[in-house]
C-alpha atoms as a PDB file:
ATOM      1  CA  MET A   1      28.413  32.984 -98.037  1.00  0.00           C
ATOM      2  CA  GLY A   2      28.001  29.226 -97.780  1.00  0.00           C
ATOM      3  CA  ALA A   3      28.641  28.764-101.480  1.00  0.00           C
ATOM      4  CA  ALA A   4      31.865  30.778-101.191  1.00  0.00           C
ATOM      5  CA  ALA A   5      33.072  28.577 -98.332  1.00  0.00           C
ATOM      6  CA  LEU A   6      32.331  25.447-100.349  1.00  0.00           C
ATOM      7  CA  ALA A   7      34.215  26.916-103.323  1.00  0.00           C
ATOM      8  CA  VAL A   8      37.295  27.328-101.118  1.00  0.00           C
ATOM      9  CA  LEU A   9      37.068  23.668-100.109  1.00  0.00           C
ATOM     10  CA  ASP A  10      36.632  22.651-103.749  1.00  0.00           C
ATOM     11  CA  GLN A  11      39.846  24.494-104.623  1.00  0.00           C
ATOM     12  CA  GLY A  12      41.773  22.154-102.341  1.00  0.00           C
ATOM     13  CA  VAL A  13      42.767  24.799 -99.802  1.00  0.00           C
ATOM     14  CA  ALA A  14      43.939  23.262 -96.524  1.00  0.00           C
ATOM     15  CA  VAL A  15      41.268  23.901 -93.887  1.00  0.00           C
ATOM     16  CA  ASP A  16      41.582  22.751 -90.278  1.00  0.00           C
ATOM     17  CA  LEU A  17      38.261  24.033 -88.982  1.00  0.00           C
ATOM     18  CA  LEU A  18      35.019  25.540 -90.258  1.00  0.00           C
ATOM     19  CA  PHE A  19      33.845  28.418 -88.041  1.00  0.00           C
ATOM     20  CA  THR A  20      30.361  29.384 -89.143  1.00  0.00           C
ATOM     21  CA  ASP A  21      27.339  31.248 -87.942  1.00  0.00           C
ATOM     22  CA  ILE A  22      24.236  29.086 -87.917  1.00  0.00           C
ATOM     23  CA  ALA A  23      22.237  31.844 -89.644  1.00  0.00           C
ATOM     24  CA  LEU A  24      23.785  32.635 -93.018  1.00  0.00           C
ATOM     25  CA  PRO A  25      22.376  34.540 -95.998  1.00  0.00           C
ATOM     26  CA  GLY A  26      22.207  32.981 -99.424  1.00  0.00           C
ATOM     27  CA  GLY A  27      20.118  29.862 -98.906  1.00  0.00           C
ATOM     28  CA  ILE A  28      22.630  27.646 -97.085  1.00  0.00           C
ATOM     29  CA  ASP A  29      22.530  27.899 -93.296  1.00  0.00           C
ATOM     30  CA  GLY A  30      25.556  27.029 -91.176  1.00  0.00           C
ATOM     31  CA  VAL A  31      24.280  23.565 -90.286  1.00  0.00           C
ATOM     32  CA  LYS A  32      23.760  22.685 -93.959  1.00  0.00           C
ATOM     33  CA  LEU A  33      27.118  24.259 -94.816  1.00  0.00           C
ATOM     34  CA  ALA A  34      28.852  22.043 -92.263  1.00  0.00           C
ATOM     35  CA  GLU A  35      27.071  18.973 -93.609  1.00  0.00           C
ATOM     36  CA  MET A  36      28.114  19.805 -97.189  1.00  0.00           C
ATOM     37  CA  ALA A  37      31.675  20.666 -96.110  1.00  0.00           C
ATOM     38  CA  ARG A  38      32.049  17.389 -94.240  1.00  0.00           C
ATOM     39  CA  ALA A  39      30.826  15.533 -97.328  1.00  0.00           C
ATOM     40  CA  ARG A  40      33.830  17.091 -99.106  1.00  0.00           C
ATOM     41  CA  ARG A  41      36.247  16.760 -96.180  1.00  0.00           C
ATOM     42  CA  SER A  42      35.464  13.866 -93.909  1.00  0.00           C
ATOM     43  CA  GLY A  43      36.245  14.625 -90.289  1.00  0.00           C
ATOM     44  CA  LEU A  44      36.382  18.411 -90.758  1.00  0.00           C
ATOM     45  CA  LYS A  45      36.076  20.087 -87.376  1.00  0.00           C
ATOM     46  CA  VAL A  46      33.256  22.617 -87.011  1.00  0.00           C
ATOM     47  CA  LEU A  47      32.593  25.374 -84.487  1.00  0.00           C
ATOM     48  CA  TYR A  48      29.237  27.114 -84.826  1.00  0.00           C
ATOM     49  CA  THR A  49      28.216  30.493 -83.483  1.00  0.00           C
ATOM     50  CA  THR A  50      24.811  32.099 -83.090  1.00  0.00           C
ATOM     51  CA  GLY A  51      23.169  35.038 -81.446  1.00  0.00           C
ATOM     52  CA  PHE A  52      19.705  33.529 -81.660  1.00  0.00           C
ATOM     53  CA  THR A  53      19.695  31.493 -78.475  1.00  0.00           C
ATOM     54  CA  GLU A  54      15.913  31.469 -78.122  1.00  0.00           C
ATOM     55  CA  ASN A  55      15.462  29.858 -81.555  1.00  0.00           C
ATOM     56  CA  PHE A  56      18.511  27.622 -81.466  1.00  0.00           C
ATOM     57  CA  ALA A  57      17.015  24.674 -79.590  1.00  0.00           C
ATOM     58  CA  ALA A  58      13.904  24.704 -81.742  1.00  0.00           C
ATOM     59  CA  GLU A  59      15.876  24.556 -84.994  1.00  0.00           C
ATOM     60  CA  GLY A  60      17.192  21.035 -84.551  1.00  0.00           C
ATOM     61  CA  SER A  61      20.418  21.608 -82.677  1.00  0.00           C
ATOM     62  CA  THR A  62      22.055  18.522 -81.303  1.00  0.00           C
ATOM     63  CA  ALA A  63      24.354  17.782 -78.416  1.00  0.00           C
ATOM     64  CA  GLU A  64      27.136  16.972 -80.922  1.00  0.00           C
ATOM     65  CA  MET A  65      27.188  20.557 -82.189  1.00  0.00           C
ATOM     66  CA  ASP A  66      29.894  22.753 -80.694  1.00  0.00           C
ATOM     67  CA  VAL A  67      28.171  26.148 -80.441  1.00  0.00           C
ATOM     68  CA  LEU A  68      29.653  29.414 -79.214  1.00  0.00           C
ATOM     69  CA  LEU A  69      26.893  31.816 -78.215  1.00  0.00           C
ATOM     70  CA  LYS A  70      27.142  35.506 -79.102  1.00  0.00           C
ATOM     71  CA  PRO A  71      28.266  37.848 -77.822  1.00  0.00           C
ATOM     72  CA  TYR A  72      31.629  36.364 -76.871  1.00  0.00           C
ATOM     73  CA  ARG A  73      34.993  37.770 -75.866  1.00  0.00           C
ATOM     74  CA  ARG A  74      38.160  37.176 -77.885  1.00  0.00           C
ATOM     75  CA  ASP A  75      39.730  35.071 -75.150  1.00  0.00           C
ATOM     76  CA  ILE A  76      36.660  32.822 -75.069  1.00  0.00           C
ATOM     77  CA  LEU A  77      36.792  32.491 -78.864  1.00  0.00           C
ATOM     78  CA  ALA A  78      40.502  31.631 -78.731  1.00  0.00           C
ATOM     79  CA  ASN A  79      39.884  28.972 -76.082  1.00  0.00           C
ATOM     80  CA  ARG A  80      36.993  27.423 -78.000  1.00  0.00           C
ATOM     81  CA  LEU A  81      38.983  27.382 -81.243  1.00  0.00           C
ATOM     82  CA  ALA A  82      41.907  25.696 -79.499  1.00  0.00           C
ATOM     83  CA  LYS A  83      39.584  23.140 -77.966  1.00  0.00           C
ATOM     84  CA  ALA A  84      37.849  22.477 -81.298  1.00  0.00           C
ATOM     85  CA  LEU A  85      41.239  21.954 -82.953  1.00  0.00           C
ATOM     86  CA  GLY A  86      42.210  19.405 -80.329  1.00  0.00           C
ATOM     87  CA  GLY A  87      44.081  21.622 -77.899  1.00  0.00           C
ATOM     88  CA  THR A  88      43.316  21.994 -74.231  1.00  0.00           C
ATOM     89  CA  GLY A  89      41.440  25.298 -74.597  1.00  0.00           C
END
């Protein structure tokens, strides 16, 4: 999954925000994906999601990470996406 997202960035597709789960299959987790994506696109906005709240703090999360905890409602997702994109949310 992470490799596919990076391939999209490498194709030059316009991307305003990376919305990624922290736990991804395929060897690249969401945190590493964001790091690699930002190396390609400086300043890329990122919104993370996870359902593993008990492990999240132990896995090196930082205060700078914008994380939406699962489960979430659509209206909450919409507000967080707007906020991450620079809206009022």
